[in-house]
N, C-alpha and C. Protein backbone atom coordinates (compact mmCIF):
# COMPACT_ATOMS: atom_id res chain seq x y z
N MET A 1 0.84 -1.17 0.00
CA MET A 1 0.00 0.00 0.00
C MET A 1 0.89 1.24 0.00
N LYS A 2 0.44 2.30 -0.64
CA LYS A 2 1.15 3.57 -0.66
C LYS A 2 0.45 4.55 0.27
N HIS A 3 1.26 5.36 0.97
CA HIS A 3 0.74 6.36 1.90
C HIS A 3 1.38 7.71 1.58
N LEU A 4 0.57 8.72 1.30
CA LEU A 4 1.06 10.07 1.07
C LEU A 4 1.11 10.78 2.42
N LEU A 5 2.30 11.22 2.82
CA LEU A 5 2.49 11.85 4.12
C LEU A 5 3.22 13.18 3.97
N LYS A 6 2.81 14.17 4.77
CA LYS A 6 3.52 15.44 4.83
C LYS A 6 4.79 15.23 5.65
N ILE A 7 5.85 15.95 5.26
CA ILE A 7 7.10 15.93 6.03
C ILE A 7 7.70 17.33 5.99
N TRP A 8 8.13 17.82 7.14
CA TRP A 8 8.72 19.16 7.23
C TRP A 8 10.08 19.20 6.54
N PRO A 9 10.44 20.36 6.00
CA PRO A 9 11.67 20.49 5.21
C PRO A 9 12.94 19.96 5.87
N LYS A 10 13.16 20.24 7.16
CA LYS A 10 14.42 19.77 7.78
C LYS A 10 14.48 18.25 7.83
N TYR A 11 13.35 17.60 8.01
CA TYR A 11 13.32 16.14 8.03
C TYR A 11 13.37 15.57 6.61
N PHE A 12 12.75 16.27 5.66
CA PHE A 12 12.82 15.85 4.26
C PHE A 12 14.27 15.79 3.81
N GLU A 13 15.05 16.84 4.14
CA GLU A 13 16.46 16.89 3.76
C GLU A 13 17.23 15.70 4.31
N GLU A 14 16.98 15.37 5.57
CA GLU A 14 17.70 14.25 6.21
C GLU A 14 17.32 12.91 5.58
N VAL A 15 16.06 12.73 5.24
CA VAL A 15 15.63 11.50 4.56
C VAL A 15 16.27 11.44 3.17
N ALA A 16 16.24 12.56 2.47
CA ALA A 16 16.81 12.61 1.11
C ALA A 16 18.31 12.29 1.12
N LYS A 17 19.04 12.77 2.15
CA LYS A 17 20.48 12.50 2.26
C LYS A 17 20.77 11.08 2.72
N GLY A 18 19.76 10.43 3.30
CA GLY A 18 19.95 9.07 3.79
C GLY A 18 20.42 9.00 5.23
N THR A 19 20.48 10.14 5.93
CA THR A 19 20.91 10.12 7.33
C THR A 19 19.75 9.83 8.27
N LYS A 20 18.54 10.10 7.85
CA LYS A 20 17.34 9.75 8.64
C LYS A 20 16.70 8.54 7.94
N THR A 21 16.85 7.38 8.55
CA THR A 21 16.42 6.13 7.93
C THR A 21 15.20 5.54 8.62
N PHE A 22 14.45 6.41 9.28
CA PHE A 22 13.26 5.96 10.00
C PHE A 22 12.21 7.07 9.96
N GLU A 23 10.99 6.70 10.27
CA GLU A 23 9.89 7.67 10.35
C GLU A 23 9.02 7.27 11.53
N VAL A 24 8.67 8.25 12.37
CA VAL A 24 7.81 8.02 13.52
C VAL A 24 6.45 8.62 13.20
N ARG A 25 5.42 7.81 13.31
CA ARG A 25 4.07 8.27 12.96
C ARG A 25 3.02 7.65 13.85
N LYS A 26 1.91 8.35 13.99
CA LYS A 26 0.73 7.76 14.61
C LYS A 26 0.26 6.67 13.65
N ASN A 27 -0.03 5.51 14.20
CA ASN A 27 -0.42 4.39 13.32
C ASN A 27 -1.93 4.41 13.05
N ASP A 28 -2.37 5.47 12.42
CA ASP A 28 -3.79 5.62 12.08
C ASP A 28 -4.09 5.11 10.67
N ARG A 29 -3.09 4.51 10.03
CA ARG A 29 -3.26 3.99 8.66
C ARG A 29 -2.97 2.50 8.55
N GLY A 30 -2.61 1.88 9.67
CA GLY A 30 -2.29 0.46 9.63
C GLY A 30 -1.05 0.16 8.82
N PHE A 31 0.02 0.91 9.06
CA PHE A 31 1.27 0.73 8.32
C PHE A 31 1.76 -0.71 8.44
N GLU A 32 2.34 -1.22 7.35
CA GLU A 32 2.88 -2.58 7.31
C GLU A 32 4.22 -2.59 6.60
N VAL A 33 5.05 -3.58 6.94
CA VAL A 33 6.31 -3.78 6.22
C VAL A 33 5.97 -4.00 4.74
N GLY A 34 6.72 -3.33 3.88
CA GLY A 34 6.49 -3.42 2.43
C GLY A 34 5.71 -2.23 1.88
N ASP A 35 5.06 -1.46 2.76
CA ASP A 35 4.35 -0.26 2.32
C ASP A 35 5.33 0.75 1.76
N ILE A 36 4.83 1.62 0.90
CA ILE A 36 5.62 2.71 0.34
C ILE A 36 5.13 4.01 0.95
N LEU A 37 6.07 4.78 1.51
CA LEU A 37 5.75 6.10 2.04
C LEU A 37 6.12 7.13 0.99
N ILE A 38 5.15 7.90 0.56
CA ILE A 38 5.39 9.01 -0.36
C ILE A 38 5.47 10.24 0.53
N LEU A 39 6.69 10.70 0.77
CA LEU A 39 6.93 11.81 1.69
C LEU A 39 6.99 13.11 0.90
N ALA A 40 5.97 13.94 1.07
CA ALA A 40 5.86 15.21 0.35
C ALA A 40 6.27 16.35 1.28
N GLU A 41 7.30 17.08 0.88
CA GLU A 41 7.80 18.18 1.70
C GLU A 41 6.72 19.25 1.86
N TYR A 42 6.49 19.64 3.11
CA TYR A 42 5.44 20.61 3.44
C TYR A 42 6.06 21.73 4.28
N SER A 43 5.96 22.96 3.77
CA SER A 43 6.51 24.12 4.48
C SER A 43 5.47 24.68 5.44
N ILE A 44 5.83 24.71 6.70
CA ILE A 44 4.93 25.24 7.72
C ILE A 44 4.76 26.75 7.54
N SER A 45 5.85 27.43 7.18
CA SER A 45 5.82 28.89 7.08
C SER A 45 4.86 29.39 6.00
N ILE A 46 4.78 28.66 4.89
CA ILE A 46 3.86 29.08 3.82
C ILE A 46 2.60 28.21 3.78
N GLN A 47 2.55 27.22 4.67
CA GLN A 47 1.42 26.29 4.76
C GLN A 47 1.04 25.72 3.40
N SER A 48 2.08 25.16 2.74
CA SER A 48 1.88 24.60 1.40
C SER A 48 2.96 23.56 1.11
N PHE A 49 2.66 22.68 0.18
CA PHE A 49 3.64 21.71 -0.30
C PHE A 49 4.66 22.44 -1.17
N THR A 50 5.91 21.99 -1.13
CA THR A 50 6.97 22.62 -1.91
C THR A 50 7.10 22.01 -3.31
N GLY A 51 6.54 20.83 -3.50
CA GLY A 51 6.66 20.14 -4.78
C GLY A 51 7.71 19.03 -4.75
N ARG A 52 8.53 19.01 -3.69
CA ARG A 52 9.54 17.95 -3.59
C ARG A 52 8.94 16.72 -2.91
N VAL A 53 9.21 15.56 -3.48
CA VAL A 53 8.65 14.29 -3.00
C VAL A 53 9.74 13.23 -3.04
N ILE A 54 9.73 12.36 -2.05
CA ILE A 54 10.64 11.22 -2.04
C ILE A 54 9.84 9.99 -1.60
N GLU A 55 10.15 8.84 -2.18
CA GLU A 55 9.47 7.60 -1.81
C GLU A 55 10.45 6.69 -1.08
N LYS A 56 9.94 6.06 -0.02
CA LYS A 56 10.74 5.11 0.75
C LYS A 56 9.89 3.88 1.06
N LYS A 57 10.53 2.74 1.08
CA LYS A 57 9.86 1.49 1.41
C LYS A 57 10.04 1.19 2.89
N VAL A 58 8.97 0.77 3.56
CA VAL A 58 9.02 0.40 4.96
C VAL A 58 9.61 -1.01 5.08
N THR A 59 10.73 -1.10 5.81
CA THR A 59 11.42 -2.39 5.95
C THR A 59 11.25 -3.01 7.33
N TYR A 60 10.83 -2.18 8.30
CA TYR A 60 10.69 -2.67 9.66
C TYR A 60 9.72 -1.77 10.40
N ILE A 61 8.94 -2.35 11.31
CA ILE A 61 8.02 -1.57 12.14
C ILE A 61 8.19 -1.97 13.59
N LEU A 62 8.43 -0.95 14.42
CA LEU A 62 8.48 -1.12 15.87
C LEU A 62 7.22 -0.50 16.43
N GLU A 63 6.35 -1.33 16.97
CA GLU A 63 5.06 -0.87 17.50
C GLU A 63 5.24 -0.14 18.82
N GLY A 64 4.41 0.85 19.05
CA GLY A 64 4.41 1.57 20.31
C GLY A 64 3.88 0.70 21.44
N GLY A 65 4.04 1.21 22.64
CA GLY A 65 3.61 0.48 23.83
C GLY A 65 4.77 -0.08 24.62
N SER A 66 5.97 0.06 24.08
CA SER A 66 7.18 -0.36 24.80
C SER A 66 8.36 0.47 24.31
N PHE A 67 9.48 0.35 25.00
CA PHE A 67 10.71 1.05 24.65
C PHE A 67 10.54 2.57 24.58
N GLY A 68 9.58 3.11 25.35
CA GLY A 68 9.37 4.55 25.39
C GLY A 68 8.57 5.11 24.23
N ILE A 69 8.06 4.24 23.39
CA ILE A 69 7.25 4.67 22.25
C ILE A 69 5.78 4.62 22.66
N GLU A 70 5.10 5.72 22.50
CA GLU A 70 3.71 5.81 22.92
C GLU A 70 2.84 4.81 22.16
N LYS A 71 1.93 4.17 22.89
CA LYS A 71 1.00 3.24 22.27
C LYS A 71 0.22 3.96 21.18
N GLY A 72 0.03 3.30 20.06
CA GLY A 72 -0.69 3.90 18.93
C GLY A 72 0.24 4.54 17.91
N PHE A 73 1.56 4.56 18.23
CA PHE A 73 2.55 5.10 17.31
C PHE A 73 3.47 3.98 16.84
N VAL A 74 4.15 4.22 15.72
CA VAL A 74 5.12 3.26 15.20
C VAL A 74 6.39 3.99 14.79
N VAL A 75 7.50 3.26 14.86
CA VAL A 75 8.75 3.71 14.28
C VAL A 75 8.99 2.78 13.10
N MET A 76 9.11 3.37 11.91
CA MET A 76 9.27 2.57 10.70
C MET A 76 10.67 2.72 10.15
N GLY A 77 11.33 1.60 9.91
CA GLY A 77 12.63 1.62 9.22
C GLY A 77 12.38 1.83 7.75
N LEU A 78 13.20 2.69 7.13
CA LEU A 78 13.04 3.02 5.71
C LEU A 78 14.20 2.50 4.90
N GLN A 79 13.90 1.97 3.73
CA GLN A 79 14.93 1.46 2.84
C GLN A 79 15.58 2.61 2.10
N ASN A 80 16.90 2.74 2.26
CA ASN A 80 17.65 3.75 1.53
C ASN A 80 17.77 3.38 0.06
N GLY A 81 17.84 4.37 -0.78
CA GLY A 81 18.03 4.14 -2.20
C GLY A 81 16.79 3.74 -2.95
N PHE A 82 15.65 3.67 -2.26
CA PHE A 82 14.41 3.34 -2.95
C PHE A 82 13.75 4.62 -3.41
N SER A 83 13.37 4.67 -4.67
CA SER A 83 12.65 5.87 -5.16
C SER A 83 11.80 5.50 -6.36
């Protein structure tokens, strides 16, 4: 499944560079390993999308409720080099 998600510019840059290889989200979409995240850069200052988009594949999911992660949230590992 593909999920279109907003991402703030500073985090978009880190994902694009490959230094941020995870995404933390409320699991209101039923994220699963193998899903594709379409991360669309969203500027808070202009309250609009910038037009830059990057796609990443979910390779791992750590469910909330333990390890200090709030229940109902997930930490998703992202595959580098996928676009």
